[in-house]
Amino acid sequence: ALPGHAAVVTATVCGGAPLTLRVVRDAVR
């Protein structure tokens, strides 16, 4: 439905941000 670059951004954010969240959350604790 969207251009290829938008799909890359969407997939990277949805797949990568949760992993970054876990790393940063544990570091903040």
ModelCIF file with pLDDT and N, C-alpha, C, O atoms, coordinates in Angstrom:
data_MODEL
#
_entry.id   MODEL 
#
_entity.id                         1 
_entity.type                       polymer 
_entity.pdbx_number_of_molecules   1 
#
_entity_poly.entity_id                      1 
_entity_poly.type                           'polypeptide(L)' 
_entity_poly.nstd_linkage                   no 
_entity_poly.nstd_monomer                   no 
_entity_poly.pdbx_seq_one_letter_code       ALPGHAAVVTATVCGGAPLTLRVVRDAVR 
_entity_poly.pdbx_seq_one_letter_code_can   ALPGHAAVVTATVCGGAPLTLRVVRDAVR 
_entity_poly.pdbx_strand_id                 A 
#
loop_
_entity_poly_seq.entity_id 
_entity_poly_seq.num 
_entity_poly_seq.mon_id 
_entity_poly_seq.hetero 
1 1  ALA n 
1 2  LEU n 
1 3  PRO n 
1 4  GLY n 
1 5  HIS n 
1 6  ALA n 
1 7  ALA n 
1 8  VAL n 
1 9  VAL n 
1 10 THR n 
1 11 ALA n 
1 12 THR n 
1 13 VAL n 
1 14 CYS n 
1 15 GLY n 
1 16 GLY n 
1 17 ALA n 
1 18 PRO n 
1 19 LEU n 
1 20 THR n 
1 21 LEU n 
1 22 ARG n 
1 23 VAL n 
1 24 VAL n 
1 25 ARG n 
1 26 ASP n 
1 27 ALA n 
1 28 VAL n 
1 29 ARG n 
#
_struct_asym.id          A 
_struct_asym.entity_id   1 
#
loop_
_ma_qa_metric.id 
_ma_qa_metric.mode 
_ma_qa_metric.name 
_ma_qa_metric.software_group_id 
_ma_qa_metric.type 
1 global pLDDT . pLDDT 
2 local  pLDDT . pLDDT 
#
_ma_qa_metric_global.metric_id      1 
_ma_qa_metric_global.metric_value   92.97 
_ma_qa_metric_global.model_id       1 
_ma_qa_metric_global.ordinal_id     1 
#
loop_
_ma_qa_metric_local.label_asym_id 
_ma_qa_metric_local.label_comp_id 
_ma_qa_metric_local.label_seq_id 
_ma_qa_metric_local.metric_id 
_ma_qa_metric_local.metric_value 
_ma_qa_metric_local.model_id 
_ma_qa_metric_local.ordinal_id 
A ALA 1  2 88.00 1 1  
A LEU 2  2 88.00 1 2  
A PRO 3  2 89.00 1 3  
A GLY 4  2 88.00 1 4  
A HIS 5  2 91.00 1 5  
A ALA 6  2 93.00 1 6  
A ALA 7  2 94.00 1 7  
A VAL 8  2 95.00 1 8  
A VAL 9  2 95.00 1 9  
A THR 10 2 94.00 1 10 
A ALA 11 2 94.00 1 11 
A THR 12 2 94.00 1 12 
A VAL 13 2 95.00 1 13 
A CYS 14 2 95.00 1 14 
A GLY 15 2 94.00 1 15 
A GLY 16 2 94.00 1 16 
A ALA 17 2 95.00 1 17 
A PRO 18 2 96.00 1 18 
A LEU 19 2 94.00 1 19 
A THR 20 2 95.00 1 20 
A LEU 21 2 96.00 1 21 
A ARG 22 2 94.00 1 22 
A VAL 23 2 93.00 1 23 
A VAL 24 2 94.00 1 24 
A ARG 25 2 94.00 1 25 
A ASP 26 2 92.00 1 26 
A ALA 27 2 90.00 1 27 
A VAL 28 2 92.00 1 28 
A ARG 29 2 90.00 1 29 
#
loop_
_atom_site.group_PDB 
_atom_site.id 
_atom_site.type_symbol 
_atom_site.label_atom_id 
_atom_site.label_alt_id 
_atom_site.label_comp_id 
_atom_site.label_asym_id 
_atom_site.label_entity_id 
_atom_site.label_seq_id 
_atom_site.pdbx_PDB_ins_code 
_atom_site.Cartn_x 
_atom_site.Cartn_y 
_atom_site.Cartn_z 
_atom_site.occupancy 
_atom_site.B_iso_or_equiv 
_atom_site.pdbx_formal_charge 
_atom_site.auth_seq_id 
_atom_site.auth_comp_id 
_atom_site.auth_asym_id 
_atom_site.auth_atom_id 
_atom_site.pdbx_PDB_model_num 
ATOM 1   N N  . ALA A 1 1  ? 0.804  -1.220 0.000  1.00 88.00 ? 1  ALA A N  1 
ATOM 2   C CA . ALA A 1 1  ? 0.000  0.000  0.000  1.00 88.00 ? 1  ALA A CA 1 
ATOM 3   C C  . ALA A 1 1  ? 0.840  1.274  0.000  1.00 88.00 ? 1  ALA A C  1 
ATOM 4   O O  . ALA A 1 1  ? 0.372  2.321  -0.447 1.00 88.00 ? 1  ALA A O  1 
ATOM 5   N N  . LEU A 1 2  ? 2.077  1.197  0.498  1.00 88.00 ? 2  LEU A N  1 
ATOM 6   C CA . LEU A 1 2  ? 2.910  2.385  0.634  1.00 88.00 ? 2  LEU A CA 1 
ATOM 7   C C  . LEU A 1 2  ? 4.214  2.209  -0.142 1.00 88.00 ? 2  LEU A C  1 
ATOM 8   O O  . LEU A 1 2  ? 4.560  1.088  -0.516 1.00 88.00 ? 2  LEU A O  1 
ATOM 9   N N  . PRO A 1 3  ? 4.944  3.306  -0.391 1.00 89.00 ? 3  PRO A N  1 
ATOM 10  C CA . PRO A 1 3  ? 6.242  3.186  -1.064 1.00 89.00 ? 3  PRO A CA 1 
ATOM 11  C C  . PRO A 1 3  ? 7.200  2.314  -0.258 1.00 89.00 ? 3  PRO A C  1 
ATOM 12  O O  . PRO A 1 3  ? 7.044  2.141  0.951  1.00 89.00 ? 3  PRO A O  1 
ATOM 13  N N  . GLY A 1 4  ? 8.197  1.768  -0.959 1.00 88.00 ? 4  GLY A N  1 
ATOM 14  C CA . GLY A 1 4  ? 9.134  0.869  -0.320 1.00 88.00 ? 4  GLY A CA 1 
ATOM 15  C C  . GLY A 1 4  ? 9.856  1.463  0.871  1.00 88.00 ? 4  GLY A C  1 
ATOM 16  O O  . GLY A 1 4  ? 10.043 0.783  1.880  1.00 88.00 ? 4  GLY A O  1 
ATOM 17  N N  . HIS A 1 5  ? 10.273 2.739  0.772  1.00 91.00 ? 5  HIS A N  1 
ATOM 18  C CA . HIS A 1 5  ? 11.011 3.340  1.889  1.00 91.00 ? 5  HIS A CA 1 
ATOM 19  C C  . HIS A 1 5  ? 10.129 3.480  3.124  1.00 91.00 ? 5  HIS A C  1 
ATOM 20  O O  . HIS A 1 5  ? 10.617 3.363  4.249  1.00 91.00 ? 5  HIS A O  1 
ATOM 21  N N  . ALA A 1 6  ? 8.831  3.730  2.926  1.00 93.00 ? 6  ALA A N  1 
ATOM 22  C CA . ALA A 1 6  ? 7.913  3.809  4.067  1.00 93.00 ? 6  ALA A CA 1 
ATOM 23  C C  . ALA A 1 6  ? 7.760  2.444  4.727  1.00 93.00 ? 6  ALA A C  1 
ATOM 24  O O  . ALA A 1 6  ? 7.640  2.345  5.948  1.00 93.00 ? 6  ALA A O  1 
ATOM 25  N N  . ALA A 1 7  ? 7.766  1.392  3.910  1.00 94.00 ? 7  ALA A N  1 
ATOM 26  C CA . ALA A 1 7  ? 7.675  0.042  4.463  1.00 94.00 ? 7  ALA A CA 1 
ATOM 27  C C  . ALA A 1 7  ? 8.917  -0.307 5.273  1.00 94.00 ? 7  ALA A C  1 
ATOM 28  O O  . ALA A 1 7  ? 8.819  -0.959 6.313  1.00 94.00 ? 7  ALA A O  1 
ATOM 29  N N  . VAL A 1 8  ? 10.084 0.123  4.802  1.00 95.00 ? 8  VAL A N  1 
ATOM 30  C CA . VAL A 1 8  ? 11.327 -0.132 5.536  1.00 95.00 ? 8  VAL A CA 1 
ATOM 31  C C  . VAL A 1 8  ? 11.296 0.563  6.888  1.00 95.00 ? 8  VAL A C  1 
ATOM 32  O O  . VAL A 1 8  ? 11.648 -0.034 7.905  1.00 95.00 ? 8  VAL A O  1 
ATOM 33  N N  . VAL A 1 9  ? 10.877 1.822  6.900  1.00 95.00 ? 9  VAL A N  1 
ATOM 34  C CA . VAL A 1 9  ? 10.815 2.577  8.155  1.00 95.00 ? 9  VAL A CA 1 
ATOM 35  C C  . VAL A 1 9  ? 9.821  1.922  9.115  1.00 95.00 ? 9  VAL A C  1 
ATOM 36  O O  . VAL A 1 9  ? 10.119 1.737  10.295 1.00 95.00 ? 9  VAL A O  1 
ATOM 37  N N  . THR A 1 10 ? 8.642  1.574  8.603  1.00 94.00 ? 10 THR A N  1 
ATOM 38  C CA . THR A 1 10 ? 7.613  0.961  9.446  1.00 94.00 ? 10 THR A CA 1 
ATOM 39  C C  . THR A 1 10 ? 8.092  -0.346 10.057 1.00 94.00 ? 10 THR A C  1 
ATOM 40  O O  . THR A 1 10 ? 7.941  -0.570 11.258 1.00 94.00 ? 10 THR A O  1 
ATOM 41  N N  . ALA A 1 11 ? 8.668  -1.208 9.227  1.00 94.00 ? 11 ALA A N  1 
ATOM 42  C CA . ALA A 1 11 ? 9.128  -2.513 9.719  1.00 94.00 ? 11 ALA A CA 1 
ATOM 43  C C  . ALA A 1 11 ? 10.279 -2.365 10.697 1.00 94.00 ? 11 ALA A C  1 
ATOM 44  O O  . ALA A 1 11 ? 10.349 -3.097 11.684 1.00 94.00 ? 11 ALA A O  1 
ATOM 45  N N  . THR A 1 12 ? 11.182 -1.430 10.438 1.00 94.00 ? 12 THR A N  1 
ATOM 46  C CA . THR A 1 12 ? 12.324 -1.233 11.342 1.00 94.00 ? 12 THR A CA 1 
ATOM 47  C C  . THR A 1 12 ? 11.876 -0.691 12.686 1.00 94.00 ? 12 THR A C  1 
ATOM 48  O O  . THR A 1 12 ? 12.376 -1.109 13.729 1.00 94.00 ? 12 THR A O  1 
ATOM 49  N N  . VAL A 1 13 ? 10.929 0.245  12.661 1.00 95.00 ? 13 VAL A N  1 
ATOM 50  C CA . VAL A 1 13 ? 10.432 0.807  13.917 1.00 95.00 ? 13 VAL A CA 1 
ATOM 51  C C  . VAL A 1 13 ? 9.665  -0.243 14.711 1.00 95.00 ? 13 VAL A C  1 
ATOM 52  O O  . VAL A 1 13 ? 9.886  -0.400 15.912 1.00 95.00 ? 13 VAL A O  1 
ATOM 53  N N  . CYS A 1 14 ? 8.774  -0.952 14.053 1.00 95.00 ? 14 CYS A N  1 
ATOM 54  C CA . CYS A 1 14 ? 7.944  -1.936 14.758 1.00 95.00 ? 14 CYS A CA 1 
ATOM 55  C C  . CYS A 1 14 ? 8.762  -3.129 15.240 1.00 95.00 ? 14 CYS A C  1 
ATOM 56  O O  . CYS A 1 14 ? 8.450  -3.714 16.278 1.00 95.00 ? 14 CYS A O  1 
ATOM 57  N N  . GLY A 1 15 ? 9.794  -3.490 14.506 1.00 94.00 ? 15 GLY A N  1 
ATOM 58  C CA . GLY A 1 15 ? 10.611 -4.620 14.911 1.00 94.00 ? 15 GLY A CA 1 
ATOM 59  C C  . GLY A 1 15 ? 11.795 -4.243 15.779 1.00 94.00 ? 15 GLY A C  1 
ATOM 60  O O  . GLY A 1 15 ? 12.252 -5.048 16.592 1.00 94.00 ? 15 GLY A O  1 
ATOM 61  N N  . GLY A 1 16 ? 12.303 -3.010 15.614 1.00 94.00 ? 16 GLY A N  1 
ATOM 62  C CA . GLY A 1 16 ? 13.499 -2.602 16.337 1.00 94.00 ? 16 GLY A CA 1 
ATOM 63  C C  . GLY A 1 16 ? 13.250 -1.815 17.606 1.00 94.00 ? 16 GLY A C  1 
ATOM 64  O O  . GLY A 1 16 ? 13.957 -1.993 18.598 1.00 94.00 ? 16 GLY A O  1 
ATOM 65  N N  . ALA A 1 17 ? 12.241 -0.936 17.585 1.00 95.00 ? 17 ALA A N  1 
ATOM 66  C CA . ALA A 1 17 ? 11.972 -0.118 18.767 1.00 95.00 ? 17 ALA A CA 1 
ATOM 67  C C  . ALA A 1 17 ? 11.669 -0.953 20.011 1.00 95.00 ? 17 ALA A C  1 
ATOM 68  O O  . ALA A 1 17 ? 12.135 -0.595 21.093 1.00 95.00 ? 17 ALA A O  1 
ATOM 69  N N  . PRO A 1 18 ? 10.905 -2.057 19.908 1.00 96.00 ? 18 PRO A N  1 
ATOM 70  C CA . PRO A 1 18 ? 10.671 -2.873 21.108 1.00 96.00 ? 18 PRO A CA 1 
ATOM 71  C C  . PRO A 1 18 ? 11.957 -3.448 21.702 1.00 96.00 ? 18 PRO A C  1 
ATOM 72  O O  . PRO A 1 18 ? 12.088 -3.533 22.923 1.00 96.00 ? 18 PRO A O  1 
ATOM 73  N N  . LEU A 1 19 ? 12.894 -3.838 20.859 1.00 94.00 ? 19 LEU A N  1 
ATOM 74  C CA . LEU A 1 19 ? 14.167 -4.360 21.355 1.00 94.00 ? 19 LEU A CA 1 
ATOM 75  C C  . LEU A 1 19 ? 14.976 -3.251 22.015 1.00 94.00 ? 19 LEU A C  1 
ATOM 76  O O  . LEU A 1 19 ? 15.592 -3.461 23.060 1.00 94.00 ? 19 LEU A O  1 
ATOM 77  N N  . THR A 1 20 ? 14.970 -2.070 21.401 1.00 95.00 ? 20 THR A N  1 
ATOM 78  C CA . THR A 1 20 ? 15.659 -0.926 22.006 1.00 95.00 ? 20 THR A CA 1 
ATOM 79  C C  . THR A 1 20 ? 15.032 -0.570 23.341 1.00 95.00 ? 20 THR A C  1 
ATOM 80  O O  . THR A 1 20 ? 15.735 -0.249 24.299 1.00 95.00 ? 20 THR A O  1 
ATOM 81  N N  . LEU A 1 21 ? 13.711 -0.627 23.405 1.00 96.00 ? 21 LEU A N  1 
ATOM 82  C CA . LEU A 1 21 ? 13.001 -0.349 24.664 1.00 96.00 ? 21 LEU A CA 1 
ATOM 83  C C  . LEU A 1 21 ? 13.523 -1.254 25.773 1.00 96.00 ? 21 LEU A C  1 
ATOM 84  O O  . LEU A 1 21 ? 13.817 -0.776 26.869 1.00 96.00 ? 21 LEU A O  1 
ATOM 85  N N  . ARG A 1 22 ? 13.642 -2.540 25.510 1.00 94.00 ? 22 ARG A N  1 
ATOM 86  C CA . ARG A 1 22 ? 14.075 -3.480 26.542 1.00 94.00 ? 22 ARG A CA 1 
ATOM 87  C C  . ARG A 1 22 ? 15.487 -3.176 27.018 1.00 94.00 ? 22 ARG A C  1 
ATOM 88  O O  . ARG A 1 22 ? 15.767 -3.197 28.216 1.00 94.00 ? 22 ARG A O  1 
ATOM 89  N N  . VAL A 1 23 ? 16.390 -2.889 26.054 1.00 93.00 ? 23 VAL A N  1 
ATOM 90  C CA . VAL A 1 23 ? 17.778 -2.596 26.413 1.00 93.00 ? 23 VAL A CA 1 
ATOM 91  C C  . VAL A 1 23 ? 17.861 -1.335 27.265 1.00 93.00 ? 23 VAL A C  1 
ATOM 92  O O  . VAL A 1 23 ? 18.527 -1.317 28.300 1.00 93.00 ? 23 VAL A O  1 
ATOM 93  N N  . VAL A 1 24 ? 17.176 -0.278 26.819 1.00 94.00 ? 24 VAL A N  1 
ATOM 94  C CA . VAL A 1 24 ? 17.237 1.003  27.524 1.00 94.00 ? 24 VAL A CA 1 
ATOM 95  C C  . VAL A 1 24 ? 16.541 0.909  28.881 1.00 94.00 ? 24 VAL A C  1 
ATOM 96  O O  . VAL A 1 24 ? 17.035 1.456  29.867 1.00 94.00 ? 24 VAL A O  1 
ATOM 97  N N  . ARG A 1 25 ? 15.403 0.223  28.940 1.00 94.00 ? 25 ARG A N  1 
ATOM 98  C CA . ARG A 1 25 ? 14.689 0.078  30.217 1.00 94.00 ? 25 ARG A CA 1 
ATOM 99  C C  . ARG A 1 25 ? 15.578 -0.581 31.270 1.00 94.00 ? 25 ARG A C  1 
ATOM 100 O O  . ARG A 1 25 ? 15.651 -0.104 32.403 1.00 94.00 ? 25 ARG A O  1 
ATOM 101 N N  . ASP A 1 26 ? 16.247 -1.662 30.908 1.00 92.00 ? 26 ASP A N  1 
ATOM 102 C CA . ASP A 1 26 ? 17.109 -2.355 31.864 1.00 92.00 ? 26 ASP A CA 1 
ATOM 103 C C  . ASP A 1 26 ? 18.296 -1.484 32.269 1.00 92.00 ? 26 ASP A C  1 
ATOM 104 O O  . ASP A 1 26 ? 18.728 -1.511 33.421 1.00 92.00 ? 26 ASP A O  1 
ATOM 105 N N  . ALA A 1 27 ? 18.822 -0.709 31.315 1.00 90.00 ? 27 ALA A N  1 
ATOM 106 C CA . ALA A 1 27 ? 19.939 0.171  31.640 1.00 90.00 ? 27 ALA A CA 1 
ATOM 107 C C  . ALA A 1 27 ? 19.498 1.282  32.592 1.00 90.00 ? 27 ALA A C  1 
ATOM 108 O O  . ALA A 1 27 ? 20.236 1.636  33.512 1.00 90.00 ? 27 ALA A O  1 
ATOM 109 N N  . VAL A 1 28 ? 18.311 1.829  32.382 1.00 92.00 ? 28 VAL A N  1 
ATOM 110 C CA . VAL A 1 28 ? 17.799 2.886  33.260 1.00 92.00 ? 28 VAL A CA 1 
ATOM 111 C C  . VAL A 1 28 ? 17.589 2.337  34.664 1.00 92.00 ? 28 VAL A C  1 
ATOM 112 O O  . VAL A 1 28 ? 17.900 3.016  35.643 1.00 92.00 ? 28 VAL A O  1 
ATOM 113 N N  . ARG A 1 29 ? 17.072 1.131  34.779 1.00 90.00 ? 29 ARG A N  1 
ATOM 114 C CA . ARG A 1 29 ? 16.877 0.531  36.092 1.00 90.00 ? 29 ARG A CA 1 
ATOM 115 C C  . ARG A 1 29 ? 18.204 0.403  36.844 1.00 90.00 ? 29 ARG A C  1 
ATOM 116 O O  . ARG A 1 29 ? 18.229 -0.084 37.974 1.00 90.00 ? 29 ARG A O  1 
#
